Amino acid sequence: MENQNERDGLPPALSPGHPLFGLGYAEPVQARPLLRLQGDASQAGEAVVAEEVPIAFIYNGRPHLVMMGTPADLEDFAVGLSLTEEIVNDPGEITRLDVVRHAQGIELHLDIPGDAAERVADRGRRLVGRTGCGLCGVESIQEAVRETRSVTPLAVIPVEALWRAEAALPALQRWNQETGSLHAAAWVTMDGTLEIVREDVGRHNALDKVIGALRRSGRKAGDGFVMVTSRASYEMVQKATVAGVALLAAVSRPTGLAIRLAQASGLTLVALLRGRTANVYAPTKK
């Protein structure tokens, strides 16, 4: 029989034996027991692992989507995803933001203006987004590959800032140092100072958290650039341009669509940023 949660589009109620039971209160990382094998020998031990929990976005009391993510910096996540998905245009449009933890996951309750709520309802997206999901169940090609926002191209690529930021980021990935399984995103000033760093099992989630923290702090996105520890996919380009960032730097490679969208928007796309080397797409003058 369908229960109330299922009718509301939320995760169904879970029994204590279910693997998700209780994860709504999980720390971002936790030690878990294991059996370590080495040749013919074995030994009991434990290792710190990253947690992922269902995180439901509920606008004006109506469920919109469920993402799997790391249970940390949830207010930043709520604001950032709402902005980059263009549900709202400004954090000030969110008049209430409550984080509600349940045995089976976390609900983010947001109150937004009526016209924004109608846009959310029109999308008809009541779904579960897997970890790292960028599309998250959109229903049309047009909605998946939205027209990118135009940004003012950089006059000069801040080369030394790129080298400095890439060298400094690993030391600030405190949870990844313990687990080796978390992505990071950062907002960096033009002199290479890492001002905001967020981590998540989902690369899109990490970037949303950074953008949310950036906008909540009142900083101007264009005063710096964003860096991610993943590949540069088209969704990352879309999110960066919505935030008003003119440079996206990634430690891994870009996709062809990401390059085309960056060129169309004026975004400078830097990839394979490692040490003092990088590839620049949609380039500006050095």
Protein backbone atom coordinates (compact mmCIF):
# COMPACT_ATOMS: atom_id res chain seq x y z
CA MET A 1 0.00 0.00 0.00
CA GLU A 2 1.27 3.47 -0.87
CA ASN A 3 2.26 5.44 2.21
CA GLN A 4 2.10 9.19 2.81
CA ASN A 5 5.74 9.77 1.88
CA GLU A 6 5.27 8.05 -1.48
CA ARG A 7 2.15 10.13 -2.20
CA ASP A 8 4.17 13.26 -1.42
CA GLY A 9 7.01 12.23 -3.69
CA LEU A 10 9.46 11.72 -0.80
CA PRO A 11 11.51 8.63 0.02
CA PRO A 12 9.30 5.90 1.54
CA ALA A 13 9.47 5.30 5.26
CA LEU A 14 12.30 2.90 6.09
CA SER A 15 12.52 0.11 8.61
CA PRO A 16 15.46 -0.03 11.05
CA GLY A 17 17.02 -2.82 8.99
CA HIS A 18 17.17 -0.78 5.78
CA PRO A 19 20.69 0.45 4.84
CA LEU A 20 19.46 4.06 4.63
CA PHE A 21 17.78 4.01 8.03
CA GLY A 22 19.26 6.67 10.32
CA LEU A 23 21.45 8.31 7.69
CA GLY A 24 19.58 11.57 7.97
CA TYR A 25 21.69 12.25 11.06
CA ALA A 26 24.99 11.07 9.60
CA GLU A 27 28.18 13.05 9.85
CA PRO A 28 29.84 13.90 6.51
CA VAL A 29 32.42 11.18 7.11
CA GLN A 30 32.35 8.24 9.51
CA ALA A 31 34.57 5.32 10.47
CA ARG A 32 33.21 1.97 9.30
CA PRO A 33 34.43 -1.52 10.26
CA LEU A 34 36.07 -3.68 7.62
CA LEU A 35 38.07 -6.85 7.08
CA ARG A 36 41.46 -6.09 5.53
CA LEU A 37 42.90 -8.80 3.31
CA GLN A 38 46.60 -9.12 2.67
CA GLY A 39 47.73 -12.23 0.85
CA ASP A 40 46.50 -15.22 2.87
CA ALA A 41 46.01 -13.16 6.01
CA SER A 42 43.10 -11.03 7.18
CA GLN A 43 42.69 -8.51 9.94
CA ALA A 44 39.74 -6.58 11.36
CA GLY A 45 40.01 -2.83 11.13
CA GLU A 46 38.15 0.31 10.19
CA ALA A 47 38.35 3.07 7.60
CA VAL A 48 36.82 6.53 7.34
CA VAL A 49 34.33 6.75 4.47
CA ALA A 50 32.21 9.54 3.00
CA GLU A 51 28.49 9.39 3.75
CA GLU A 52 25.74 10.05 1.21
CA VAL A 53 22.10 10.57 2.12
CA PRO A 54 18.89 11.44 0.26
CA ILE A 55 18.37 15.21 0.33
CA ALA A 56 14.88 16.35 -0.68
CA PHE A 57 14.26 19.87 -2.03
CA ILE A 58 10.76 21.03 -1.10
CA TYR A 59 9.52 24.38 -2.40
CA ASN A 60 6.46 25.97 -0.77
CA GLY A 61 5.56 22.62 0.71
CA ARG A 62 5.74 20.77 -2.61
CA PRO A 63 8.49 18.17 -3.25
CA HIS A 64 10.63 18.96 -6.28
CA LEU A 65 13.58 16.58 -6.39
CA VAL A 66 15.76 14.34 -4.27
CA MET A 67 19.53 14.41 -4.59
CA MET A 68 22.06 12.06 -3.06
CA GLY A 69 24.72 14.10 -1.35
CA THR A 70 27.03 14.66 1.60
CA PRO A 71 25.16 15.90 4.71
CA ALA A 72 27.16 19.10 5.19
CA ASP A 73 26.78 22.78 4.26
CA LEU A 74 23.13 22.12 3.49
CA GLU A 75 22.02 25.77 3.55
CA ASP A 76 24.68 26.55 0.95
CA PHE A 77 23.48 23.59 -1.12
CA ALA A 78 19.86 24.73 -0.92
CA VAL A 79 20.66 28.26 -2.06
CA GLY A 80 23.23 27.24 -4.66
CA LEU A 81 21.08 24.67 -6.43
CA SER A 82 18.09 27.00 -6.38
CA LEU A 83 20.21 29.63 -8.12
CA THR A 84 22.04 27.45 -10.63
CA GLU A 85 18.83 25.64 -11.61
CA GLU A 86 17.32 29.12 -12.06
CA ILE A 87 14.47 28.42 -9.69
CA VAL A 88 15.19 31.81 -8.12
CA ASN A 89 17.36 34.66 -9.35
CA ASP A 90 18.55 35.98 -6.01
CA PRO A 91 18.99 34.48 -2.53
CA GLY A 92 16.69 37.20 -1.20
CA GLU A 93 13.77 35.50 -2.94
CA ILE A 94 14.10 32.60 -0.48
CA THR A 95 12.08 33.79 2.50
CA ARG A 96 12.45 30.60 4.55
CA LEU A 97 15.05 27.84 4.57
CA ASP A 98 14.68 25.01 7.07
CA VAL A 99 16.82 21.88 7.25
CA VAL A 100 14.70 19.01 8.57
CA ARG A 101 16.44 15.73 9.40
CA HIS A 102 14.52 12.47 9.35
CA ALA A 103 15.53 8.88 9.95
CA GLN A 104 15.53 8.27 6.19
CA GLY A 105 17.21 11.46 5.00
CA ILE A 106 17.14 15.24 4.98
CA GLU A 107 14.50 17.66 3.73
CA LEU A 108 15.33 21.20 2.66
CA HIS A 109 12.18 23.31 2.97
CA LEU A 110 12.28 26.58 1.04
CA ASP A 111 9.65 29.26 0.62
CA ILE A 112 9.90 31.14 -2.69
CA PRO A 113 7.67 33.61 -4.58
CA GLY A 114 4.54 32.29 -6.25
CA ASP A 115 5.77 32.78 -9.82
CA ALA A 116 8.96 30.86 -9.05
CA ALA A 117 6.91 28.08 -7.46
CA GLU A 118 4.80 27.87 -10.61
CA ARG A 119 7.94 27.43 -12.73
CA VAL A 120 9.03 24.60 -10.47
CA ALA A 121 5.63 22.94 -10.77
CA ASP A 122 5.69 23.28 -14.57
CA ARG A 123 8.88 21.29 -14.78
CA GLY A 124 7.18 18.30 -13.24
CA ARG A 125 10.43 17.02 -11.83
CA ARG A 126 9.62 14.68 -8.99
CA LEU A 127 12.60 12.37 -9.08
CA VAL A 128 15.65 10.92 -7.42
CA GLY A 129 18.99 12.32 -8.60
CA ARG A 130 21.87 9.89 -8.23
CA THR A 131 25.15 11.06 -6.74
CA GLY A 132 26.81 13.52 -9.11
CA CYS A 133 23.71 13.78 -11.28
CA GLY A 134 23.73 16.88 -13.41
CA LEU A 135 20.59 16.35 -15.47
CA CYS A 136 18.50 15.00 -12.61
CA GLY A 137 15.59 13.88 -14.69
CA VAL A 138 14.84 16.87 -16.86
CA GLU A 139 12.19 16.10 -19.42
CA SER A 140 13.46 17.69 -22.65
CA ILE A 141 16.67 18.41 -24.53
CA GLN A 142 15.89 22.13 -24.38
CA GLU A 143 15.67 22.00 -20.60
CA ALA A 144 18.79 19.85 -20.29
CA VAL A 145 20.99 22.16 -22.36
CA ARG A 146 19.68 25.54 -21.30
CA GLU A 147 20.88 28.65 -23.06
CA THR A 148 23.97 29.80 -21.22
CA ARG A 149 24.24 33.18 -19.57
CA SER A 150 26.74 35.54 -21.16
CA VAL A 151 29.67 36.62 -19.03
CA THR A 152 32.22 39.35 -19.64
CA PRO A 153 35.33 37.59 -20.96
CA LEU A 154 38.51 38.00 -18.95
CA ALA A 155 41.04 40.41 -20.38
CA VAL A 156 43.91 38.40 -18.91
CA ILE A 157 44.15 34.83 -17.61
CA PRO A 158 45.40 34.93 -13.97
CA VAL A 159 48.10 32.31 -14.56
CA GLU A 160 49.95 32.64 -11.26
CA ALA A 161 46.63 32.53 -9.41
CA LEU A 162 45.81 29.22 -11.10
CA TRP A 163 49.11 27.67 -10.05
CA ARG A 164 48.76 28.98 -6.49
CA ALA A 165 45.17 27.77 -6.08
CA GLU A 166 45.83 24.30 -7.47
CA ALA A 167 48.76 23.84 -5.08
CA ALA A 168 46.77 25.03 -2.05
CA LEU A 169 43.48 23.18 -2.56
CA PRO A 170 44.44 19.62 -1.46
CA ALA A 171 45.34 20.81 2.04
CA LEU A 172 41.84 22.31 2.42
CA GLN A 173 40.02 19.13 1.38
CA ARG A 174 39.91 17.86 4.93
CA TRP A 175 37.27 15.19 4.42
CA ASN A 176 38.82 13.93 1.21
CA GLN A 177 42.12 13.56 3.04
CA GLU A 178 40.36 11.06 5.29
CA THR A 179 38.30 9.24 2.67
CA GLY A 180 39.80 9.81 -0.79
CA SER A 181 36.28 9.84 -2.26
CA LEU A 182 34.99 13.42 -2.14
CA HIS A 183 34.98 16.07 -4.84
CA ALA A 184 35.78 19.68 -4.00
CA ALA A 185 34.93 23.02 -5.51
CA ALA A 186 36.36 26.40 -4.58
CA TRP A 187 35.89 30.09 -5.21
CA VAL A 188 39.25 31.74 -5.67
CA THR A 189 40.21 35.41 -5.70
CA MET A 190 42.18 36.70 -8.66
CA ASP A 191 45.41 36.52 -6.66
CA GLY A 192 44.89 32.78 -6.07
CA THR A 193 43.53 32.87 -2.52
CA LEU A 194 41.01 30.11 -1.78
CA GLU A 195 38.16 31.93 -0.05
CA ILE A 196 35.42 29.27 -0.13
CA VAL A 197 35.91 25.49 -0.33
CA ARG A 198 33.14 22.90 -0.20
CA GLU A 199 33.24 19.10 -0.50
CA ASP A 200 30.63 16.55 -1.56
CA VAL A 201 30.38 13.06 -3.02
CA GLY A 202 28.69 14.75 -6.00
CA ARG A 203 30.80 17.14 -8.08
CA HIS A 204 27.76 19.24 -9.04
CA ASN A 205 26.72 19.39 -5.39
CA ALA A 206 30.13 20.71 -4.37
CA LEU A 207 29.90 23.50 -6.95
CA ASP A 208 26.34 24.35 -5.93
CA LYS A 209 27.48 24.61 -2.32
CA VAL A 210 30.27 27.01 -3.26
CA ILE A 211 27.92 29.18 -5.31
CA GLY A 212 25.39 29.17 -2.49
CA ALA A 213 28.02 30.16 0.07
CA LEU A 214 29.34 32.84 -2.28
CA ARG A 215 25.95 34.45 -2.81
CA ARG A 216 24.99 34.16 0.85
CA SER A 217 28.21 35.99 1.79
CA GLY A 218 27.42 38.90 -0.52
CA ARG A 219 30.66 38.55 -2.47
CA LYS A 220 30.68 39.33 -6.19
CA ALA A 221 31.30 36.16 -8.18
CA GLY A 222 33.13 38.07 -10.88
CA ASP A 223 35.82 39.13 -8.41
CA GLY A 224 37.26 35.62 -8.64
CA PHE A 225 36.93 32.26 -10.39
CA VAL A 226 35.84 28.73 -9.55
CA MET A 227 37.95 25.60 -9.47
CA VAL A 228 36.73 21.99 -9.33
CA THR A 229 38.50 18.69 -8.70
CA SER A 230 36.57 16.88 -11.43
CA ARG A 231 36.14 16.95 -15.16
CA ALA A 232 34.63 20.07 -16.70
CA SER A 233 31.22 19.02 -17.95
CA TYR A 234 28.64 21.24 -19.61
CA GLU A 235 26.55 21.42 -16.43
CA MET A 236 29.53 22.91 -14.60
CA VAL A 237 29.83 25.57 -17.31
CA GLN A 238 26.11 26.34 -17.02
CA LYS A 239 26.31 26.70 -13.24
CA ALA A 240 29.39 28.92 -13.45
CA THR A 241 27.80 31.29 -15.96
CA VAL A 242 24.57 31.53 -13.97
CA ALA A 243 26.68 32.52 -10.97
CA GLY A 244 28.41 35.21 -13.02
CA VAL A 245 31.86 33.63 -12.97
CA ALA A 246 34.10 34.28 -16.00
CA LEU A 247 36.64 31.47 -15.45
CA LEU A 248 36.12 27.81 -14.59
CA ALA A 249 39.22 25.73 -13.85
CA ALA A 250 39.15 21.93 -13.57
CA VAL A 251 41.85 19.47 -12.65
CA SER A 252 40.53 16.96 -15.20
CA ARG A 253 39.52 17.16 -18.85
CA PRO A 254 36.54 18.99 -20.40
CA THR A 255 33.84 17.57 -22.63
CA GLY A 256 33.26 18.88 -26.12
CA LEU A 257 29.89 20.34 -25.16
CA ALA A 258 31.44 22.13 -22.20
CA ILE A 259 33.94 23.77 -24.54
CA ARG A 260 31.24 24.84 -27.00
CA LEU A 261 29.07 26.30 -24.25
CA ALA A 262 32.04 28.12 -22.75
CA GLN A 263 32.86 29.63 -26.14
CA ALA A 264 29.25 30.69 -26.62
CA SER A 265 29.04 32.35 -23.22
CA GLY A 266 32.44 34.06 -23.06
CA LEU A 267 33.61 31.84 -20.20
CA THR A 268 37.31 31.01 -20.05
CA LEU A 269 37.58 27.25 -19.51
CA VAL A 270 40.79 25.85 -18.03
CA ALA A 271 41.28 22.08 -17.81
CA LEU A 272 43.96 19.60 -16.74
CA LEU A 273 45.14 22.12 -14.17
CA ARG A 274 47.94 20.22 -12.49
CA GLY A 275 51.08 21.72 -11.02
CA ARG A 276 52.10 24.55 -13.33
CA THR A 277 50.46 23.19 -16.47
CA ALA A 278 46.95 23.59 -17.89
CA ASN A 279 44.97 23.62 -21.12
CA VAL A 280 42.90 26.72 -21.90
CA TYR A 281 39.76 26.56 -24.03
CA ALA A 282 37.68 29.55 -25.12
CA PRO A 283 40.89 31.45 -24.44
CA THR A 284 41.46 35.06 -23.65
CA LYS A 285 44.80 36.81 -23.91
CA LYS A 286 47.48 35.67 -21.51
